[in-house]
Amino acid sequence: MAVGLRPGSRSAADARAHGFTEEDGTLGDWLAVTAESDLVILLIADAALAAHHPEIFAVLKPGAVIGLSHGFLLGHLRETGAQFPQGHGVIAVVPQGDG
């Protein structure tokens, strides 16, 4: 398992505090980690998903599965006429939350 973070992410210190490190390859740049992963779980803000999904989709390893924690990206893709990339399964765990 590895955590990929965007440059300057405020989550880097928290990831390191939980044992993820660049030295052992469990912490790295978000697109580099994505390119090496068989399962990519997208846990970023809705606005970031809307802005960066083309970059993420472009580096996916063949056959990698995309994991979603909410349905925003699905709705965004439908609204914009886009779709998930061919050849990649999608898993969604989207509990209903208040607020």
N, C-alpha and C. Protein backbone atom coordinates (compact mmCIF):
# COMPACT_ATOMS: atom_id res chain seq x y z
N MET A 1 0.85 -1.16 0.00
CA MET A 1 0.00 0.00 0.00
C MET A 1 0.90 1.23 0.00
N ALA A 2 0.44 2.25 -0.73
CA ALA A 2 1.18 3.50 -0.79
C ALA A 2 0.19 4.67 -0.79
N VAL A 3 0.64 5.80 -0.29
CA VAL A 3 -0.14 7.01 -0.28
C VAL A 3 0.51 7.98 -1.26
N GLY A 4 -0.30 8.47 -2.18
CA GLY A 4 0.18 9.47 -3.13
C GLY A 4 -0.44 10.81 -2.80
N LEU A 5 0.39 11.83 -2.66
CA LEU A 5 -0.09 13.16 -2.28
C LEU A 5 0.31 14.19 -3.33
N ARG A 6 -0.56 15.18 -3.48
CA ARG A 6 -0.24 16.29 -4.38
C ARG A 6 0.89 17.12 -3.77
N PRO A 7 1.68 17.79 -4.60
CA PRO A 7 2.76 18.63 -4.09
C PRO A 7 2.23 19.65 -3.08
N GLY A 8 2.91 19.78 -1.96
CA GLY A 8 2.53 20.73 -0.93
C GLY A 8 1.36 20.29 -0.07
N SER A 9 0.95 19.04 -0.18
CA SER A 9 -0.20 18.56 0.59
C SER A 9 0.01 18.74 2.09
N ARG A 10 -1.04 19.21 2.75
CA ARG A 10 -1.00 19.36 4.20
C ARG A 10 -1.09 18.00 4.89
N SER A 11 -1.37 16.95 4.15
CA SER A 11 -1.50 15.61 4.73
C SER A 11 -0.17 14.86 4.83
N ALA A 12 0.90 15.43 4.30
CA ALA A 12 2.19 14.73 4.29
C ALA A 12 2.67 14.39 5.70
N ALA A 13 2.60 15.34 6.61
CA ALA A 13 3.06 15.09 7.98
C ALA A 13 2.23 13.99 8.64
N ASP A 14 0.92 14.00 8.40
CA ASP A 14 0.04 12.99 8.97
C ASP A 14 0.38 11.61 8.39
N ALA A 15 0.63 11.54 7.09
CA ALA A 15 1.00 10.27 6.47
C ALA A 15 2.31 9.74 7.07
N ARG A 16 3.28 10.63 7.23
CA ARG A 16 4.55 10.21 7.84
C ARG A 16 4.36 9.76 9.28
N ALA A 17 3.50 10.45 10.01
CA ALA A 17 3.23 10.08 11.41
C ALA A 17 2.59 8.70 11.51
N HIS A 18 1.95 8.26 10.44
CA HIS A 18 1.34 6.94 10.42
C HIS A 18 2.21 5.88 9.74
N GLY A 19 3.48 6.22 9.52
CA GLY A 19 4.45 5.24 9.05
C GLY A 19 4.70 5.18 7.56
N PHE A 20 4.10 6.06 6.77
CA PHE A 20 4.35 6.08 5.34
C PHE A 20 5.58 6.95 5.08
N THR A 21 6.50 6.45 4.26
CA THR A 21 7.73 7.22 4.00
C THR A 21 8.14 7.13 2.54
N GLU A 22 8.84 8.16 2.10
CA GLU A 22 9.40 8.16 0.75
C GLU A 22 10.49 7.09 0.64
N GLU A 23 11.23 6.91 1.73
CA GLU A 23 12.36 5.98 1.72
C GLU A 23 11.93 4.54 1.43
N ASP A 24 10.80 4.12 1.99
CA ASP A 24 10.37 2.74 1.75
C ASP A 24 9.35 2.62 0.60
N GLY A 25 9.09 3.74 -0.07
CA GLY A 25 8.21 3.71 -1.23
C GLY A 25 6.73 3.71 -0.91
N THR A 26 6.36 3.96 0.34
CA THR A 26 4.95 3.96 0.70
C THR A 26 4.33 5.36 0.69
N LEU A 27 5.13 6.37 0.38
CA LEU A 27 4.66 7.74 0.28
C LEU A 27 5.33 8.38 -0.92
N GLY A 28 4.53 9.01 -1.78
CA GLY A 28 5.13 9.63 -2.95
C GLY A 28 4.18 10.58 -3.65
N ASP A 29 4.64 11.07 -4.77
CA ASP A 29 3.86 11.96 -5.61
C ASP A 29 2.60 11.24 -6.09
N TRP A 30 1.48 11.92 -6.05
CA TRP A 30 0.19 11.31 -6.36
C TRP A 30 0.13 10.65 -7.72
N LEU A 31 0.68 11.29 -8.75
CA LEU A 31 0.60 10.70 -10.09
C LEU A 31 1.58 9.55 -10.26
N ALA A 32 2.73 9.62 -9.61
CA ALA A 32 3.69 8.51 -9.67
C ALA A 32 3.13 7.28 -8.95
N VAL A 33 2.52 7.49 -7.80
CA VAL A 33 1.92 6.38 -7.06
C VAL A 33 0.76 5.80 -7.87
N THR A 34 -0.05 6.66 -8.46
CA THR A 34 -1.17 6.21 -9.30
C THR A 34 -0.68 5.32 -10.43
N ALA A 35 0.37 5.74 -11.10
CA ALA A 35 0.89 5.00 -12.25
C ALA A 35 1.38 3.60 -11.90
N GLU A 36 1.73 3.38 -10.64
CA GLU A 36 2.26 2.09 -10.21
C GLU A 36 1.22 1.20 -9.52
N SER A 37 0.02 1.70 -9.33
CA SER A 37 -0.96 1.01 -8.48
C SER A 37 -1.98 0.20 -9.26
N ASP A 38 -2.37 -0.93 -8.68
CA ASP A 38 -3.43 -1.76 -9.26
C ASP A 38 -4.81 -1.29 -8.82
N LEU A 39 -4.88 -0.63 -7.67
CA LEU A 39 -6.11 -0.06 -7.13
C LEU A 39 -5.81 1.37 -6.71
N VAL A 40 -6.53 2.31 -7.28
CA VAL A 40 -6.33 3.73 -6.98
C VAL A 40 -7.61 4.25 -6.34
N ILE A 41 -7.54 4.55 -5.06
CA ILE A 41 -8.70 5.07 -4.34
C ILE A 41 -8.57 6.58 -4.27
N LEU A 42 -9.50 7.27 -4.90
CA LEU A 42 -9.45 8.73 -4.99
C LEU A 42 -10.13 9.36 -3.79
N LEU A 43 -9.32 9.87 -2.89
CA LEU A 43 -9.81 10.49 -1.66
C LEU A 43 -9.42 11.96 -1.63
N ILE A 44 -9.78 12.66 -2.69
CA ILE A 44 -9.47 14.09 -2.76
C ILE A 44 -10.77 14.87 -2.91
N ALA A 45 -10.69 16.16 -2.67
CA ALA A 45 -11.87 17.03 -2.70
C ALA A 45 -12.54 17.01 -4.06
N ASP A 46 -13.85 17.27 -4.06
CA ASP A 46 -14.62 17.29 -5.29
C ASP A 46 -14.02 18.21 -6.35
N ALA A 47 -13.65 19.41 -5.94
CA ALA A 47 -13.07 20.36 -6.90
C ALA A 47 -11.78 19.82 -7.50
N ALA A 48 -10.98 19.15 -6.69
CA ALA A 48 -9.73 18.56 -7.20
C ALA A 48 -10.03 17.42 -8.16
N LEU A 49 -11.04 16.61 -7.87
CA LEU A 49 -11.42 15.53 -8.79
C LEU A 49 -11.88 16.11 -10.12
N ALA A 50 -12.69 17.15 -10.07
CA ALA A 50 -13.18 17.77 -11.30
C ALA A 50 -12.02 18.33 -12.12
N ALA A 51 -11.07 18.94 -11.45
CA ALA A 51 -9.95 19.56 -12.15
C ALA A 51 -8.90 18.58 -12.64
N HIS A 52 -8.67 17.51 -11.88
CA HIS A 52 -7.51 16.67 -12.15
C HIS A 52 -7.80 15.24 -12.64
N HIS A 53 -9.08 14.87 -12.79
CA HIS A 53 -9.33 13.49 -13.22
C HIS A 53 -8.69 13.15 -14.57
N PRO A 54 -8.57 14.08 -15.53
CA PRO A 54 -7.90 13.71 -16.78
C PRO A 54 -6.44 13.30 -16.56
N GLU A 55 -5.74 14.02 -15.68
CA GLU A 55 -4.35 13.67 -15.37
C GLU A 55 -4.26 12.30 -14.71
N ILE A 56 -5.16 12.06 -13.79
CA ILE A 56 -5.17 10.79 -13.07
C ILE A 56 -5.46 9.66 -14.05
N PHE A 57 -6.52 9.81 -14.85
CA PHE A 57 -6.89 8.77 -15.81
C PHE A 57 -5.76 8.50 -16.81
N ALA A 58 -5.03 9.54 -17.19
CA ALA A 58 -3.97 9.39 -18.19
C ALA A 58 -2.81 8.51 -17.71
N VAL A 59 -2.57 8.47 -16.40
CA VAL A 59 -1.42 7.70 -15.91
C VAL A 59 -1.80 6.34 -15.34
N LEU A 60 -3.09 6.00 -15.36
CA LEU A 60 -3.50 4.71 -14.81
C LEU A 60 -2.81 3.55 -15.50
N LYS A 61 -2.35 2.64 -14.71
CA LYS A 61 -1.76 1.40 -15.19
C LYS A 61 -2.86 0.59 -15.90
N PRO A 62 -2.55 -0.11 -16.98
CA PRO A 62 -3.58 -0.91 -17.65
C PRO A 62 -4.28 -1.86 -16.66
N GLY A 63 -5.61 -1.81 -16.68
CA GLY A 63 -6.40 -2.68 -15.82
C GLY A 63 -6.56 -2.23 -14.39
N ALA A 64 -5.93 -1.12 -14.01
CA ALA A 64 -6.07 -0.63 -12.63
C ALA A 64 -7.53 -0.33 -12.33
N VAL A 65 -7.91 -0.56 -11.10
CA VAL A 65 -9.27 -0.31 -10.64
C VAL A 65 -9.31 1.05 -9.95
N ILE A 66 -10.37 1.81 -10.23
CA ILE A 66 -10.57 3.12 -9.63
C ILE A 66 -11.54 2.97 -8.47
N GLY A 67 -11.17 3.47 -7.30
CA GLY A 67 -12.04 3.43 -6.13
C GLY A 67 -12.52 4.81 -5.78
N LEU A 68 -13.81 4.92 -5.50
CA LEU A 68 -14.41 6.21 -5.15
C LEU A 68 -15.01 6.15 -3.75
N SER A 69 -14.89 7.25 -3.01
CA SER A 69 -15.48 7.31 -1.67
C SER A 69 -16.79 8.09 -1.67
N HIS A 70 -17.16 8.66 -2.80
CA HIS A 70 -18.44 9.33 -2.96
C HIS A 70 -18.76 9.41 -4.45
N GLY A 71 -19.97 9.81 -4.77
CA GLY A 71 -20.42 9.77 -6.16
C GLY A 71 -20.17 11.02 -6.97
N PHE A 72 -19.44 11.99 -6.43
CA PHE A 72 -19.26 13.24 -7.16
C PHE A 72 -18.66 13.02 -8.55
N LEU A 73 -17.60 12.25 -8.65
CA LEU A 73 -16.93 12.12 -9.95
C LEU A 73 -17.85 11.50 -10.99
N LEU A 74 -18.63 10.53 -10.60
CA LEU A 74 -19.58 9.92 -11.53
C LEU A 74 -20.54 10.98 -12.05
N GLY A 75 -21.12 11.77 -11.16
CA GLY A 75 -22.02 12.84 -11.59
C GLY A 75 -21.33 13.88 -12.45
N HIS A 76 -20.11 14.23 -12.09
CA HIS A 76 -19.35 15.22 -12.87
C HIS A 76 -19.08 14.70 -14.28
N LEU A 77 -18.67 13.45 -14.39
CA LEU A 77 -18.40 12.89 -15.71
C LEU A 77 -19.67 12.86 -16.56
N ARG A 78 -20.79 12.46 -15.97
CA ARG A 78 -22.06 12.45 -16.71
C ARG A 78 -22.44 13.86 -17.16
N GLU A 79 -22.28 14.83 -16.26
CA GLU A 79 -22.65 16.21 -16.56
C GLU A 79 -21.82 16.79 -17.70
N THR A 80 -20.55 16.41 -17.76
CA THR A 80 -19.65 16.97 -18.78
C THR A 80 -19.55 16.10 -20.03
N GLY A 81 -20.27 14.98 -20.05
CA GLY A 81 -20.24 14.10 -21.22
C GLY A 81 -19.00 13.22 -21.28
N ALA A 82 -18.26 13.16 -20.19
CA ALA A 82 -17.06 12.33 -20.14
C ALA A 82 -17.42 10.97 -19.53
N GLN A 83 -16.44 10.10 -19.43
CA GLN A 83 -16.66 8.81 -18.82
C GLN A 83 -15.37 8.27 -18.22
N PHE A 84 -15.52 7.24 -17.42
CA PHE A 84 -14.34 6.58 -16.88
C PHE A 84 -13.59 5.94 -18.05
N PRO A 85 -12.28 5.82 -17.93
CA PRO A 85 -11.51 5.25 -19.04
C PRO A 85 -11.84 3.78 -19.25
N GLN A 86 -11.87 3.37 -20.49
CA GLN A 86 -12.13 1.98 -20.85
C GLN A 86 -11.06 1.07 -20.25
N GLY A 87 -11.47 -0.13 -19.86
CA GLY A 87 -10.52 -1.11 -19.36
C GLY A 87 -10.19 -0.99 -17.88
N HIS A 88 -10.93 -0.13 -17.18
CA HIS A 88 -10.69 0.07 -15.75
C HIS A 88 -11.99 -0.13 -15.00
N GLY A 89 -11.98 -1.04 -14.04
CA GLY A 89 -13.14 -1.21 -13.20
C GLY A 89 -13.26 -0.05 -12.24
N VAL A 90 -14.48 0.16 -11.75
CA VAL A 90 -14.74 1.24 -10.79
C VAL A 90 -15.48 0.64 -9.60
N ILE A 91 -14.97 0.92 -8.41
CA ILE A 91 -15.59 0.49 -7.16
C ILE A 91 -16.00 1.76 -6.43
N ALA A 92 -17.23 1.79 -5.97
CA ALA A 92 -17.70 2.96 -5.23
C ALA A 92 -18.26 2.52 -3.88
N VAL A 93 -17.74 3.12 -2.82
CA VAL A 93 -18.29 2.97 -1.48
C VAL A 93 -18.72 4.36 -1.10
N VAL A 94 -20.02 4.62 -1.24
CA VAL A 94 -20.51 5.99 -1.13
C VAL A 94 -21.62 6.10 -0.08
N PRO A 95 -21.22 6.05 1.19
CA PRO A 95 -22.23 6.17 2.23
C PRO A 95 -22.89 7.55 2.20
N GLN A 96 -24.15 7.56 2.50
CA GLN A 96 -24.87 8.83 2.54
C GLN A 96 -24.46 9.58 3.79
N GLY A 97 -24.09 10.81 3.66
CA GLY A 97 -23.70 11.61 4.81
C GLY A 97 -24.59 12.83 4.94
N ASP A 98 -24.78 13.28 6.12
CA ASP A 98 -25.56 14.49 6.34
C ASP A 98 -24.67 15.70 6.10
N GLY A 99 -25.25 16.75 5.59
CA GLY A 99 -24.50 17.98 5.39
C GLY A 99 -24.16 18.16 3.98
